[in-house]
Amino acid sequence: MDQKIVTCFMFSGQAEEAIRFYTSVFSPAEIEQMVHQENGMVLHATFLLKGQRLMAIDNSVEHHDFTPAMSLFVTCDTEEEIQHAFEQLSQSGKVLMPLDTYPFSKKFAWVEDRYGVSWQLSLGKE
């Protein structure tokens, strides 16, 4: 069954860079397709992160900021995975909640990455 609702990111000229970054942070991950405009910006791209299909485009007309009110919640399988994701996503970004133990998760973090995308990382049951 195809995924009926897909999160779509609108970047201001950084879509390809962001997609390549995200697919290097999470595993399994793959870029399914990427179509460029004549100016090199991404017209349409789809990629998979841990089995979740996401889309991205570049908007050359107007800059839009992301907001932490909408975030991607990622359940990590191991301590190593959550540590790696936290380190990579928070680099040149902003830590909204540090990687720590919380009443709702034995290990959790909330970060805004260098592109302004908000990620909640939680360690699943090992």
PDB file of N, CA and C in Angstrom:
ATOM      1  N   MET A   1       0.838  -1.183   0.000  1.00  0.00           N
ATOM      2  CA  MET A   1       0.000   0.000   0.000  1.00  0.00           C
ATOM      3  C   MET A   1       0.884   1.249   0.000  1.00  0.00           C
ATOM      4  N   ASP A   2       0.582   2.151  -0.902  1.00  0.00           N
ATOM      5  CA  ASP A   2       1.355   3.392  -0.972  1.00  0.00           C
ATOM      6  C   ASP A   2       0.986   4.321   0.180  1.00  0.00           C
ATOM      7  N   GLN A   3       1.973   5.070   0.625  1.00  0.00           N
ATOM      8  CA  GLN A   3       1.770   6.060   1.669  1.00  0.00           C
ATOM      9  C   GLN A   3       0.899   7.174   1.093  1.00  0.00           C
ATOM     10  N   LYS A   4      -0.228   7.487   1.729  1.00  0.00           N
ATOM     11  CA  LYS A   4      -1.192   8.457   1.205  1.00  0.00           C
ATOM     12  C   LYS A   4      -0.884   9.894   1.609  1.00  0.00           C
ATOM     13  N   ILE A   5      -0.239  10.081   2.743  1.00  0.00           N
ATOM     14  CA  ILE A   5       0.134  11.425   3.194  1.00  0.00           C
ATOM     15  C   ILE A   5       1.649  11.455   3.343  1.00  0.00           C
ATOM     16  N   VAL A   6       2.282  12.412   2.674  1.00  0.00           N
ATOM     17  CA  VAL A   6       3.739  12.512   2.674  1.00  0.00           C
ATOM     18  C   VAL A   6       4.139  13.909   3.117  1.00  0.00           C
ATOM     19  N   THR A   7       5.041  13.991   4.063  1.00  0.00           N
ATOM     20  CA  THR A   7       5.574  15.276   4.505  1.00  0.00           C
ATOM     21  C   THR A   7       6.421  15.863   3.376  1.00  0.00           C
ATOM     22  N   CYS A   8       6.190  17.139   3.074  1.00  0.00           N
ATOM     23  CA  CYS A   8       6.928  17.823   2.015  1.00  0.00           C
ATOM     24  C   CYS A   8       7.632  19.040   2.609  1.00  0.00           C
ATOM     25  N   PHE A   9       8.942  19.096   2.415  1.00  0.00           N
ATOM     26  CA  PHE A   9       9.747  20.220   2.889  1.00  0.00           C
ATOM     27  C   PHE A   9       9.955  21.210   1.755  1.00  0.00           C
ATOM     28  N   MET A  10       9.807  22.498   2.042  1.00  0.00           N
ATOM     29  CA  MET A  10      10.105  23.534   1.065  1.00  0.00           C
ATOM     30  C   MET A  10      11.341  24.296   1.545  1.00  0.00           C
ATOM     31  N   PHE A  11      12.432  24.118   0.823  1.00  0.00           N
ATOM     32  CA  PHE A  11      13.687  24.781   1.153  1.00  0.00           C
ATOM     33  C   PHE A  11      13.890  25.977   0.233  1.00  0.00           C
ATOM     34  N   SER A  12      14.822  26.828   0.601  1.00  0.00           N
ATOM     35  CA  SER A  12      15.160  27.999  -0.211  1.00  0.00           C
ATOM     36  C   SER A  12      16.536  27.785  -0.833  1.00  0.00           C
ATOM     37  N   GLY A  13      16.614  26.802  -1.732  1.00  0.00           N
ATOM     38  CA  GLY A  13      17.865  26.528  -2.430  1.00  0.00           C
ATOM     39  C   GLY A  13      18.743  25.485  -1.772  1.00  0.00           C
ATOM     40  N   GLN A  14      18.289  24.861  -0.671  1.00  0.00           N
ATOM     41  CA  GLN A  14      19.122  23.883   0.038  1.00  0.00           C
ATOM     42  C   GLN A  14      18.526  22.479   0.020  1.00  0.00           C
ATOM     43  N   ALA A  15      17.537  22.220  -0.796  1.00  0.00           N
ATOM     44  CA  ALA A  15      16.849  20.919  -0.774  1.00  0.00           C
ATOM     45  C   ALA A  15      17.802  19.759  -1.011  1.00  0.00           C
ATOM     46  N   GLU A  16      18.597  19.817  -2.059  1.00  0.00           N
ATOM     47  CA  GLU A  16      19.496  18.695  -2.354  1.00  0.00           C
ATOM     48  C   GLU A  16      20.504  18.491  -1.232  1.00  0.00           C
ATOM     49  N   GLU A  17      21.084  19.563  -0.743  1.00  0.00           N
ATOM     50  CA  GLU A  17      22.044  19.483   0.361  1.00  0.00           C
ATOM     51  C   GLU A  17      21.391  18.852   1.591  1.00  0.00           C
ATOM     52  N   ALA A  18      20.186  19.283   1.931  1.00  0.00           N
ATOM     53  CA  ALA A  18      19.475  18.750   3.096  1.00  0.00           C
ATOM     54  C   ALA A  18      19.148  17.271   2.914  1.00  0.00           C
ATOM     55  N   ILE A  19      18.659  16.895   1.746  1.00  0.00           N
ATOM     56  CA  ILE A  19      18.326  15.489   1.481  1.00  0.00           C
ATOM     57  C   ILE A  19      19.566  14.612   1.620  1.00  0.00           C
ATOM     58  N   ARG A  20      20.663  15.046   1.044  1.00  0.00           N
ATOM     59  CA  ARG A  20      21.901  14.255   1.133  1.00  0.00           C
ATOM     60  C   ARG A  20      22.368  14.158   2.589  1.00  0.00           C
ATOM     61  N   PHE A  21      22.192  15.223   3.351  1.00  0.00           N
ATOM     62  CA  PHE A  21      22.540  15.210   4.768  1.00  0.00           C
ATOM     63  C   PHE A  21      21.652  14.215   5.528  1.00  0.00           C
ATOM     64  N   TYR A  22      20.329  14.315   5.366  1.00  0.00           N
ATOM     65  CA  TYR A  22      19.407  13.438   6.088  1.00  0.00           C
ATOM     66  C   TYR A  22      19.638  11.969   5.744  1.00  0.00           C
ATOM     67  N   THR A  23      19.894  11.672   4.473  1.00  0.00           N
ATOM     68  CA  THR A  23      20.120  10.279   4.099  1.00  0.00           C
ATOM     69  C   THR A  23      21.478   9.763   4.599  1.00  0.00           C
ATOM     70  N   SER A  24      22.362  10.670   5.025  1.00  0.00           N
ATOM     71  CA  SER A  24      23.624  10.231   5.641  1.00  0.00           C
ATOM     72  C   SER A  24      23.466  10.025   7.145  1.00  0.00           C
ATOM     73  N   VAL A  25      22.457  10.644   7.749  1.00  0.00           N
ATOM     74  CA  VAL A  25      22.240  10.547   9.196  1.00  0.00           C
ATOM     75  C   VAL A  25      21.495   9.269   9.561  1.00  0.00           C
ATOM     76  N   PHE A  26      20.444   8.927   8.810  1.00  0.00           N
ATOM     77  CA  PHE A  26      19.579   7.805   9.150  1.00  0.00           C
ATOM     78  C   PHE A  26      19.817   6.605   8.247  1.00  0.00           C
ATOM     79  N   SER A  27      19.546   5.418   8.805  1.00  0.00           N
ATOM     80  CA  SER A  27      19.679   4.181   8.046  1.00  0.00           C
ATOM     81  C   SER A  27      18.536   3.255   8.448  1.00  0.00           C
ATOM     82  N   PRO A  28      17.912   2.608   7.499  1.00  0.00           N
ATOM     83  CA  PRO A  28      18.151   2.707   6.066  1.00  0.00           C
ATOM     84  C   PRO A  28      17.620   4.029   5.513  1.00  0.00           C
ATOM     85  N   ALA A  29      18.238   4.472   4.431  1.00  0.00           N
ATOM     86  CA  ALA A  29      17.830   5.711   3.778  1.00  0.00           C
ATOM     87  C   ALA A  29      18.213   5.649   2.306  1.00  0.00           C
ATOM     88  N   GLU A  30      17.407   6.283   1.479  1.00  0.00           N
ATOM     89  CA  GLU A  30      17.747   6.346   0.052  1.00  0.00           C
ATOM     90  C   GLU A  30      17.020   7.510  -0.614  1.00  0.00           C
ATOM     91  N   ILE A  31      17.661   8.058  -1.618  1.00  0.00           N
ATOM     92  CA  ILE A  31      17.038   9.072  -2.462  1.00  0.00           C
ATOM     93  C   ILE A  31      16.338   8.324  -3.583  1.00  0.00           C
ATOM     94  N   GLU A  32      15.031   8.484  -3.689  1.00  0.00           N
ATOM     95  CA  GLU A  32      14.272   7.785  -4.728  1.00  0.00           C
ATOM     96  C   GLU A  32      14.359   8.514  -6.058  1.00  0.00           C
ATOM     97  N   GLN A  33      14.116   9.805  -6.034  1.00  0.00           N
ATOM     98  CA  GLN A  33      14.219  10.595  -7.265  1.00  0.00           C
ATOM     99  C   GLN A  33      14.500  12.049  -6.925  1.00  0.00           C
ATOM    100  N   MET A  34      15.155  12.729  -7.853  1.00  0.00           N
ATOM    101  CA  MET A  34      15.422  14.149  -7.690  1.00  0.00           C
ATOM    102  C   MET A  34      15.422  14.790  -9.078  1.00  0.00           C
ATOM    103  N   VAL A  35      14.496  15.711  -9.280  1.00  0.00           N
ATOM    104  CA  VAL A  35      14.368  16.413 -10.553  1.00  0.00           C
ATOM    105  C   VAL A  35      14.758  17.867 -10.312  1.00  0.00           C
ATOM    106  N   HIS A  36      15.666  18.361 -11.124  1.00  0.00           N
ATOM    107  CA  HIS A  36      16.156  19.732 -10.974  1.00  0.00           C
ATOM    108  C   HIS A  36      15.535  20.664 -12.008  1.00  0.00           C
ATOM    109  N   GLN A  37      15.416  21.924 -11.623  1.00  0.00           N
ATOM    110  CA  GLN A  37      15.031  22.973 -12.556  1.00  0.00           C
ATOM    111  C   GLN A  37      16.267  23.348 -13.368  1.00  0.00           C
ATOM    112  N   GLU A  38      16.086  24.165 -14.386  1.00  0.00           N
ATOM    113  CA  GLU A  38      17.224  24.608 -15.201  1.00  0.00           C
ATOM    114  C   GLU A  38      18.258  25.363 -14.376  1.00  0.00           C
ATOM    115  N   ASN A  39      17.819  26.042 -13.321  1.00  0.00           N
ATOM    116  CA  ASN A  39      18.733  26.821 -12.480  1.00  0.00           C
ATOM    117  C   ASN A  39      19.436  25.957 -11.428  1.00  0.00           C
ATOM    118  N   GLY A  40      19.192  24.640 -11.438  1.00  0.00           N
ATOM    119  CA  GLY A  40      19.850  23.728 -10.510  1.00  0.00           C
ATOM    120  C   GLY A  40      19.090  23.470  -9.226  1.00  0.00           C
ATOM    121  N   MET A  41      18.049  24.258  -8.981  1.00  0.00           N
ATOM    122  CA  MET A  41      17.259  24.046  -7.775  1.00  0.00           C
ATOM    123  C   MET A  41      16.382  22.801  -7.943  1.00  0.00           C
ATOM    124  N   VAL A  42      15.979  22.203  -6.823  1.00  0.00           N
ATOM    125  CA  VAL A  42      15.185  20.982  -6.851  1.00  0.00           C
ATOM    126  C   VAL A  42      13.721  21.317  -7.147  1.00  0.00           C
ATOM    127  N   LEU A  43      13.226  20.771  -8.238  1.00  0.00           N
ATOM    128  CA  LEU A  43      11.823  20.929  -8.609  1.00  0.00           C
ATOM    129  C   LEU A  43      10.966  19.958  -7.813  1.00  0.00           C
ATOM    130  N   HIS A  44      11.449  18.729  -7.653  1.00  0.00           N
ATOM    131  CA  HIS A  44      10.715  17.697  -6.921  1.00  0.00           C
ATOM    132  C   HIS A  44      11.675  16.581  -6.549  1.00  0.00           C
ATOM    133  N   ALA A  45      11.620  16.140  -5.292  1.00  0.00           N
ATOM    134  CA  ALA A  45      12.453  15.017  -4.861  1.00  0.00           C
ATOM    135  C   ALA A  45      11.678  14.188  -3.847  1.00  0.00           C
ATOM    136  N   THR A  46      11.926  12.878  -3.881  1.00  0.00           N
ATOM    137  CA  THR A  46      11.393  11.990  -2.852  1.00  0.00           C
ATOM    138  C   THR A  46      12.558  11.171  -2.303  1.00  0.00           C
ATOM    139  N   PHE A  47      12.498  10.928  -0.996  1.00  0.00           N
ATOM    140  CA  PHE A  47      13.538  10.146  -0.344  1.00  0.00           C
ATOM    141  C   PHE A  47      12.933   9.389   0.828  1.00  0.00           C
ATOM    142  N   LEU A  48      13.618   8.316   1.220  1.00  0.00           N
ATOM    143  CA  LEU A  48      13.155   7.466   2.315  1.00  0.00           C
ATOM    144  C   LEU A  48      14.110   7.566   3.495  1.00  0.00           C
ATOM    145  N   LEU A  49      13.545   7.731   4.694  1.00  0.00           N
ATOM    146  CA  LEU A  49      14.309   7.679   5.939  1.00  0.00           C
ATOM    147  C   LEU A  49      13.636   6.652   6.831  1.00  0.00           C
ATOM    148  N   LYS A  50      14.321   5.569   7.135  1.00  0.00           N
ATOM    149  CA  LYS A  50      13.784   4.501   7.986  1.00  0.00           C
ATOM    150  C   LYS A  50      12.406   4.034   7.506  1.00  0.00           C
ATOM    151  N   GLY A  51      12.258   3.934   6.185  1.00  0.00           N
ATOM    152  CA  GLY A  51      11.019   3.448   5.599  1.00  0.00           C
ATOM    153  C   GLY A  51       9.946   4.507   5.395  1.00  0.00           C
ATOM    154  N   GLN A  52      10.184   5.727   5.836  1.00  0.00           N
ATOM    155  CA  GLN A  52       9.212   6.820   5.711  1.00  0.00           C
ATOM    156  C   GLN A  52       9.535   7.653   4.472  1.00  0.00           C
ATOM    157  N   ARG A  53       8.580   7.782   3.563  1.00  0.00           N
ATOM    158  CA  ARG A  53       8.789   8.588   2.359  1.00  0.00           C
ATOM    159  C   ARG A  53       8.573  10.070   2.706  1.00  0.00           C
ATOM    160  N   LEU A  54       9.498  10.893   2.244  1.00  0.00           N
ATOM    161  CA  LEU A  54       9.429  12.340   2.413  1.00  0.00           C
ATOM    162  C   LEU A  54       9.642  12.986   1.048  1.00  0.00           C
ATOM    163  N   MET A  55       9.168  14.215   0.907  1.00  0.00           N
ATOM    164  CA  MET A  55       9.358  14.969  -0.329  1.00  0.00           C
ATOM    165  C   MET A  55      10.079  16.268   0.007  1.00  0.00           C
ATOM    166  N   ALA A  56      10.705  16.854  -1.012  1.00  0.00           N
ATOM    167  CA  ALA A  56      11.347  18.154  -0.837  1.00  0.00           C
ATOM    168  C   ALA A  56      11.355  18.903  -2.158  1.00  0.00           C
ATOM    169  N   ILE A  57      11.252  20.209  -2.048  1.00  0.00           N
ATOM    170  CA  ILE A  57      11.330  21.100  -3.202  1.00  0.00           C
ATOM    171  C   ILE A  57      12.126  22.335  -2.791  1.00  0.00           C
ATOM    172  N   ASP A  58      12.598  23.064  -3.779  1.00  0.00           N
ATOM    173  CA  ASP A  58      13.190  24.381  -3.538  1.00  0.00           C
ATOM    174  C   ASP A  58      12.203  25.433  -4.002  1.00  0.00           C
ATOM    175  N   ASN A  59      12.073  26.482  -3.231  1.00  0.00           N
ATOM    176  CA  ASN A  59      11.234  27.616  -3.585  1.00  0.00           C
ATOM    177  C   ASN A  59      12.151  28.795  -3.864  1.00  0.00           C
ATOM    178  N   SER A  60      12.153  29.253  -5.079  1.00  0.00           N
ATOM    179  CA  SER A  60      13.040  30.360  -5.439  1.00  0.00           C
ATOM    180  C   SER A  60      12.346  31.718  -5.333  1.00  0.00           C
ATOM    181  N   VAL A  61      11.064  31.704  -5.007  1.00  0.00           N
ATOM    182  CA  VAL A  61      10.298  32.951  -4.976  1.00  0.00           C
ATOM    183  C   VAL A  61      10.351  33.630  -3.615  1.00  0.00           C
ATOM    184  N   GLU A  62      10.141  32.855  -2.560  1.00  0.00           N
ATOM    185  CA  GLU A  62      10.029  33.438  -1.226  1.00  0.00           C
ATOM    186  C   GLU A  62      10.624  32.488  -0.198  1.00  0.00           C
ATOM    187  N   HIS A  63      11.252  33.035   0.849  1.00  0.00           N
ATOM    188  CA  HIS A  63      11.827  32.217   1.916  1.00  0.00           C
ATOM    189  C   HIS A  63      10.768  31.944   2.977  1.00  0.00           C
ATOM    190  N   HIS A  64      10.640  30.679   3.378  1.00  0.00           N
ATOM    191  CA  HIS A  64       9.734  30.286   4.452  1.00  0.00           C
ATOM    192  C   HIS A  64      10.540  29.604   5.538  1.00  0.00           C
ATOM    193  N   ASP A  65      10.303  29.983   6.780  1.00  0.00           N
ATOM    194  CA  ASP A  65      10.973  29.330   7.906  1.00  0.00           C
ATOM    195  C   ASP A  65      10.179  28.114   8.349  1.00  0.00           C
ATOM    196  N   PHE A  66      10.885  27.133   8.908  1.00  0.00           N
ATOM    197  CA  PHE A  66      10.235  25.994   9.540  1.00  0.00           C
ATOM    198  C   PHE A  66       9.894  26.382  10.970  1.00  0.00           C
ATOM    199  N   THR A  67       9.011  25.632  11.608  1.00  0.00           N
ATOM    200  CA  THR A  67       8.633  25.897  12.986  1.00  0.00           C
ATOM    201  C   THR A  67       8.696  24.600  13.789  1.00  0.00           C
ATOM    202  N   PRO A  68       9.114  24.659  15.074  1.00  0.00           N
ATOM    203  CA  PRO A  68       9.142  23.454  15.883  1.00  0.00           C
ATOM    204  C   PRO A  68       7.739  22.952  16.251  1.00  0.00           C
ATOM    205  N   ALA A  69       6.711  23.722  15.914  1.00  0.00           N
ATOM    206  CA  ALA A  69       5.344  23.267  16.182  1.00  0.00           C
ATOM    207  C   ALA A  69       5.029  22.011  15.366  1.00  0.00           C
ATOM    208  N   MET A  70       5.725  21.807  14.266  1.00  0.00           N
ATOM    209  CA  MET A  70       5.604  20.592  13.458  1.00  0.00           C
ATOM    210  C   MET A  70       6.985  19.965  13.432  1.00  0.00           C
ATOM    211  N   SER A  71       7.083  18.714  13.874  1.00  0.00           N
ATOM    212  CA  SER A  71       8.389  18.065  13.933  1.00  0.00           C
ATOM    213  C   SER A  71       8.291  16.638  13.426  1.00  0.00           C
ATOM    214  N   LEU A  72       9.444  16.069  13.132  1.00  0.00           N
ATOM    215  CA  LEU A  72       9.524  14.664  12.755  1.00  0.00           C
ATOM    216  C   LEU A  72       9.939  13.887  13.996  1.00  0.00           C
ATOM    217  N   PHE A  73       9.151  12.883  14.370  1.00  0.00           N
ATOM    218  CA  PHE A  73       9.432  12.062  15.540  1.00  0.00           C
ATOM    219  C   PHE A  73      10.065  10.769  15.043  1.00  0.00           C
ATOM    220  N   VAL A  74      11.292  10.503  15.476  1.00  0.00           N
ATOM    221  CA  VAL A  74      12.034   9.331  15.021  1.00  0.00           C
ATOM    222  C   VAL A  74      12.289   8.402  16.205  1.00  0.00           C
ATOM    223  N   THR A  75      11.840   7.166  16.080  1.00  0.00           N
ATOM    224  CA  THR A  75      12.153   6.158  17.085  1.00  0.00           C
ATOM    225  C   THR A  75      13.447   5.467  16.660  1.00  0.00           C
ATOM    226  N   CYS A  76      14.475   5.635  17.461  1.00  0.00           N
ATOM    227  CA  CYS A  76      15.782   5.047  17.172  1.00  0.00           C
ATOM    228  C   CYS A  76      15.860   3.660  17.798  1.00  0.00           C
ATOM    229  N   ASP A  77      16.553   2.760  17.129  1.00  0.00           N
ATOM    230  CA  ASP A  77      16.618   1.369  17.562  1.00  0.00           C
ATOM    231  C   ASP A  77      17.703   1.095  18.595  1.00  0.00           C
ATOM    232  N   THR A  78      18.757   1.904  18.601  1.00  0.00           N
ATOM    233  CA  THR A  78      19.889   1.653  19.507  1.00  0.00           C
ATOM    234  C   THR A  78      20.392   2.961  20.105  1.00  0.00           C
ATOM    235  N   GLU A  79      21.170   2.812  21.191  1.00  0.00           N
ATOM    236  CA  GLU A  79      21.832   3.974  21.816  1.00  0.00           C
ATOM    237  C   GLU A  79      22.754   4.662  20.806  1.00  0.00           C
ATOM    238  N   GLU A  80      23.456   3.864  20.014  1.00  0.00           N
ATOM    239  CA  GLU A  80      24.386   4.414  19.024  1.00  0.00           C
ATOM    240  C   GLU A  80      23.636   5.238  17.982  1.00  0.00           C
ATOM    241  N   GLU A  81      22.486   4.737  17.554  1.00  0.00           N
ATOM    242  CA  GLU A  81      21.710   5.451  16.539  1.00  0.00           C
ATOM    243  C   GLU A  81      21.211   6.790  17.060  1.00  0.00           C
ATOM    244  N   ILE A  82      20.663   6.824  18.260  1.00  0.00           N
ATOM    245  CA  ILE A  82      20.136   8.094  18.788  1.00  0.00           C
ATOM    246  C   ILE A  82      21.278   9.077  19.049  1.00  0.00           C
ATOM    247  N   GLN A  83      22.416   8.577  19.530  1.00  0.00           N
ATOM    248  CA  GLN A  83      23.570   9.444  19.771  1.00  0.00           C
ATOM    249  C   GLN A  83      24.078  10.043  18.461  1.00  0.00           C
ATOM    250  N   HIS A  84      24.200   9.197  17.426  1.00  0.00           N
ATOM    251  CA  HIS A  84      24.665   9.656  16.112  1.00  0.00           C
ATOM    252  C   HIS A  84      23.698  10.694  15.527  1.00  0.00           C
ATOM    253  N   ALA A  85      22.407  10.401  15.553  1.00  0.00           N
ATOM    254  CA  ALA A  85      21.409  11.327  15.007  1.00  0.00           C
ATOM    255  C   ALA A  85      21.437  12.649  15.762  1.00  0.00           C
ATOM    256  N   PHE A  86      21.511  12.590  17.086  1.00  0.00           N
ATOM    257  CA  PHE A  86      21.554  13.808  17.898  1.00  0.00           C
ATOM    258  C   PHE A  86      22.780  14.646  17.553  1.00  0.00           C
ATOM    259  N   GLU A  87      23.944  14.014  17.498  1.00  0.00           N
ATOM    260  CA  GLU A  87      25.180  14.753  17.193  1.00  0.00           C
ATOM    261  C   GLU A  87      25.119  15.397  15.814  1.00  0.00           C
ATOM    262  N   GLN A  88      24.670  14.645  14.822  1.00  0.00           N
ATOM    263  CA  GLN A  88      24.615  15.163  13.451  1.00  0.00           C
ATOM    264  C   GLN A  88      23.574  16.272  13.297  1.00  0.00           C
ATOM    265  N   LEU A  89      22.374  16.048  13.801  1.00  0.00           N
ATOM    266  CA  LEU A  89      21.288  17.018  13.609  1.00  0.00           C
ATOM    267  C   LEU A  89      21.501  18.294  14.419  1.00  0.00           C
ATOM    268  N   SER A  90      22.129  18.190  15.582  1.00  0.00           N
ATOM    269  CA  SER A  90      22.320  19.388  16.408  1.00  0.00           C
ATOM    270  C   SER A  90      23.541  20.202  15.976  1.00  0.00           C
ATOM    271  N   GLN A  91      24.421  19.599  15.163  1.00  0.00           N
ATOM    272  CA  GLN A  91      25.612  20.312  14.689  1.00  0.00           C
ATOM    273  C   GLN A  91      25.176  21.488  13.819  1.00  0.00           C
ATOM    274  N   SER A  92      25.547  22.682  14.194  1.00  0.00           N
ATOM    275  CA  SER A  92      25.155  23.929  13.521  1.00  0.00           C
ATOM    276  C   SER A  92      23.651  24.166  13.615  1.00  0.00           C
ATOM    277  N   GLY A  93      22.999  23.460  14.525  1.00  0.00           N
ATOM    278  CA  GLY A  93      21.566  23.637  14.753  1.00  0.00           C
ATOM    279  C   GLY A  93      21.325  24.147  16.164  1.00  0.00           C
ATOM    280  N   LYS A  94      20.179  23.766  16.716  1.00  0.00           N
ATOM    281  CA  LYS A  94      19.806  24.244  18.043  1.00  0.00           C
ATOM    282  C   LYS A  94      19.187  23.090  18.827  1.00  0.00           C
ATOM    283  N   VAL A  95      19.646  22.883  20.050  1.00  0.00           N
ATOM    284  CA  VAL A  95      19.090  21.847  20.919  1.00  0.00           C
ATOM    285  C   VAL A  95      17.895  22.447  21.661  1.00  0.00           C
ATOM    286  N   LEU A  96      16.712  21.899  21.425  1.00  0.00           N
ATOM    287  CA  LEU A  96      15.498  22.358  22.095  1.00  0.00           C
ATOM    288  C   LEU A  96      15.296  21.610  23.417  1.00  0.00           C
ATOM    289  N   MET A  97      15.652  20.322  23.444  1.00  0.00           N
ATOM    290  CA  MET A  97      15.679  19.510  24.668  1.00  0.00           C
ATOM    291  C   MET A  97      16.914  18.617  24.554  1.00  0.00           C
ATOM    292  N   PRO A  98      17.815  18.671  25.528  1.00  0.00           N
ATOM    293  CA  PRO A  98      19.051  17.888  25.426  1.00  0.00           C
ATOM    294  C   PRO A  98      18.782  16.385  25.476  1.00  0.00           C
ATOM    295  N   LEU A  99      19.723  15.634  24.937  1.00  0.00           N
ATOM    296  CA  LEU A  99      19.644  14.175  24.971  1.00  0.00           C
ATOM    297  C   LEU A  99      19.770  13.731  26.422  1.00  0.00           C
ATOM    298  N   ASP A 100      18.699  13.134  26.944  1.00  0.00           N
ATOM    299  CA  ASP A 100      18.651  12.807  28.358  1.00  0.00           C
ATOM    300  C   ASP A 100      17.518  11.826  28.617  1.00  0.00           C
ATOM    301  N   THR A 101      17.364  11.435  29.876  1.00  0.00           N
ATOM    302  CA  THR A 101      16.256  10.590  30.311  1.00  0.00           C
ATOM    303  C   THR A 101      15.115  11.501  30.747  1.00  0.00           C
ATOM    304  N   TYR A 102      13.911  11.160  30.311  1.00  0.00           N
ATOM    305  CA  TYR A 102      12.703  11.928  30.648  1.00  0.00           C
ATOM    306  C   TYR A 102      11.636  10.949  31.120  1.00  0.00           C
ATOM    307  N   PRO A 103      10.612  11.420  31.824  1.00  0.00           N
ATOM    308  CA  PRO A 103       9.556  10.521  32.312  1.00  0.00           C
ATOM    309  C   PRO A 103       8.871   9.721  31.194  1.00  0.00           C
ATOM    310  N   PHE A 104       8.862  10.255  29.980  1.00  0.00           N
ATOM    311  CA  PHE A 104       8.177   9.607  28.862  1.00  0.00           C
ATOM    312  C   PHE A 104       9.118   8.791  27.968  1.00  0.00           C
ATOM    313  N   SER A 105      10.431   8.860  28.222  1.00  0.00           N
ATOM    314  CA  SER A 105      11.390   8.122  27.399  1.00  0.00           C
ATOM    315  C   SER A 105      12.703   7.952  28.158  1.00  0.00           C
ATOM    316  N   LYS A 106      13.302   6.754  28.035  1.00  0.00           N
ATOM    317  CA  LYS A 106      14.578   6.552  28.734  1.00  0.00           C
ATOM    318  C   LYS A 106      15.715   7.322  28.082  1.00  0.00           C
ATOM    319  N   LYS A 107      15.537   7.712  26.812  1.00  0.00           N
ATOM    320  CA  LYS A 107      16.503   8.584  26.139  1.00  0.00           C
ATOM    321  C   LYS A 107      15.751   9.335  25.046  1.00  0.00           C
ATOM    322  N   PHE A 108      15.828  10.671  25.101  1.00  0.00           N
ATOM    323  CA  PHE A 108      15.064  11.528  24.199  1.00  0.00           C
ATOM    324  C   PHE A 108      15.824  12.825  23.970  1.00  0.00           C
ATOM    325  N   ALA A 109      15.642  13.401  22.786  1.00  0.00           N
ATOM    326  CA  ALA A 109      16.181  14.735  22.479  1.00  0.00           C
ATOM    327  C   ALA A 109      15.277  15.390  21.446  1.00  0.00           C
ATOM    328  N   TRP A 110      15.269  16.709  21.443  1.00  0.00           N
ATOM    329  CA  TRP A 110      14.523  17.482  20.452  1.00  0.00           C
ATOM    330  C   TRP A 110      15.495  18.522  19.915  1.00  0.00           C
ATOM    331  N   VAL A 111      15.731  18.488  18.616  1.00  0.00           N
ATOM    332  CA  VAL A 111      16.689  19.412  18.005  1.00  0.00           C
ATOM    333  C   VAL A 111      16.106  20.068  16.766  1.00  0.00           C
ATOM    334  N   GLU A 112      16.605  21.236  16.490  1.00  0.00           N
ATOM    335  CA  GLU A 112      16.309  21.925  15.237  1.00  0.00           C
ATOM    336  C   GLU A 112      17.607  21.916  14.445  1.00  0.00           C
ATOM    337  N   ASP A 113      17.570  21.329  13.257  1.00  0.00           N
ATOM    338  CA  ASP A 113      18.818  21.186  12.499  1.00  0.00           C
ATOM    339  C   ASP A 113      19.216  22.488  11.810  1.00  0.00           C
ATOM    340  N   ARG A 114      20.333  22.455  11.116  1.00  0.00           N
ATOM    341  CA  ARG A 114      20.885  23.656  10.463  1.00  0.00           C
ATOM    342  C   ARG A 114      19.968  24.240   9.396  1.00  0.00           C
ATOM    343  N   TYR A 115      18.996  23.455   8.923  1.00  0.00           N
ATOM    344  CA  TYR A 115      18.044  23.929   7.914  1.00  0.00           C
ATOM    345  C   TYR A 115      16.761  24.460   8.541  1.00  0.00           C
ATOM    346  N   GLY A 116      16.623  24.315   9.862  1.00  0.00           N
ATOM    347  CA  GLY A 116      15.432  24.786  10.564  1.00  0.00           C
ATOM    348  C   GLY A 116      14.372  23.718  10.785  1.00  0.00           C
ATOM    349  N   VAL A 117      14.649  22.467  10.370  1.00  0.00           N
ATOM    350  CA  VAL A 117      13.699  21.372  10.551  1.00  0.00           C
ATOM    351  C   VAL A 117      13.822  20.837  11.981  1.00  0.00           C
ATOM    352  N   SER A 118      12.688  20.579  12.614  1.00  0.00           N
ATOM    353  CA  SER A 118      12.628  20.124  13.998  1.00  0.00           C
ATOM    354  C   SER A 118      12.485  18.603  14.067  1.00  0.00           C
ATOM    355  N   TRP A 119      13.331  17.964  14.885  1.00  0.00           N
ATOM    356  CA  TRP A 119      13.367  16.505  15.027  1.00  0.00           C
ATOM    357  C   TRP A 119      13.245  16.118  16.489  1.00  0.00           C
ATOM    358  N   GLN A 120      12.329  15.200  16.795  1.00  0.00           N
ATOM    359  CA  GLN A 120      12.260  14.589  18.108  1.00  0.00           C
ATOM    360  C   GLN A 120      12.835  13.183  17.974  1.00  0.00           C
ATOM    361  N   LEU A 121      13.820  12.881  18.776  1.00  0.00           N
ATOM    362  CA  LEU A 121      14.503  11.586  18.727  1.00  0.00           C
ATOM    363  C   LEU A 121      14.215  10.838  20.017  1.00  0.00           C
ATOM    364  N   SER A 122      13.743   9.607  19.909  1.00  0.00           N
ATOM    365  CA  SER A 122      13.431   8.821  21.100  1.00  0.00           C
ATOM    366  C   SER A 122      14.004   7.419  20.933  1.00  0.00           C
ATOM    367  N   LEU A 123      14.585   6.911  22.002  1.00  0.00           N
ATOM    368  CA  LEU A 123      15.115   5.554  21.969  1.00  0.00           C
ATOM    369  C   LEU A 123      13.970   4.575  22.195  1.00  0.00           C
ATOM    370  N   GLY A 124      13.814   3.653  21.237  1.00  0.00           N
ATOM    371  CA  GLY A 124      12.786   2.621  21.370  1.00  0.00           C
ATOM    372  C   GLY A 124      13.222   1.586  22.387  1.00  0.00           C
ATOM    373  N   LYS A 125      12.435   0.588  22.561  1.00  0.00           N
ATOM    374  CA  LYS A 125      12.753  -0.486  23.504  1.00  0.00           C
ATOM    375  C   LYS A 125      13.883  -1.336  22.923  1.00  0.00           C
ATOM    376  N   GLU A 126      14.980  -1.440  23.653  1.00  0.00           N
ATOM    377  CA  GLU A 126      16.114  -2.252  23.188  1.00  0.00           C
ATOM    378  C   GLU A 126      15.927  -3.690  23.608  1.00  0.00           C
TER     379      GLU A 126
END
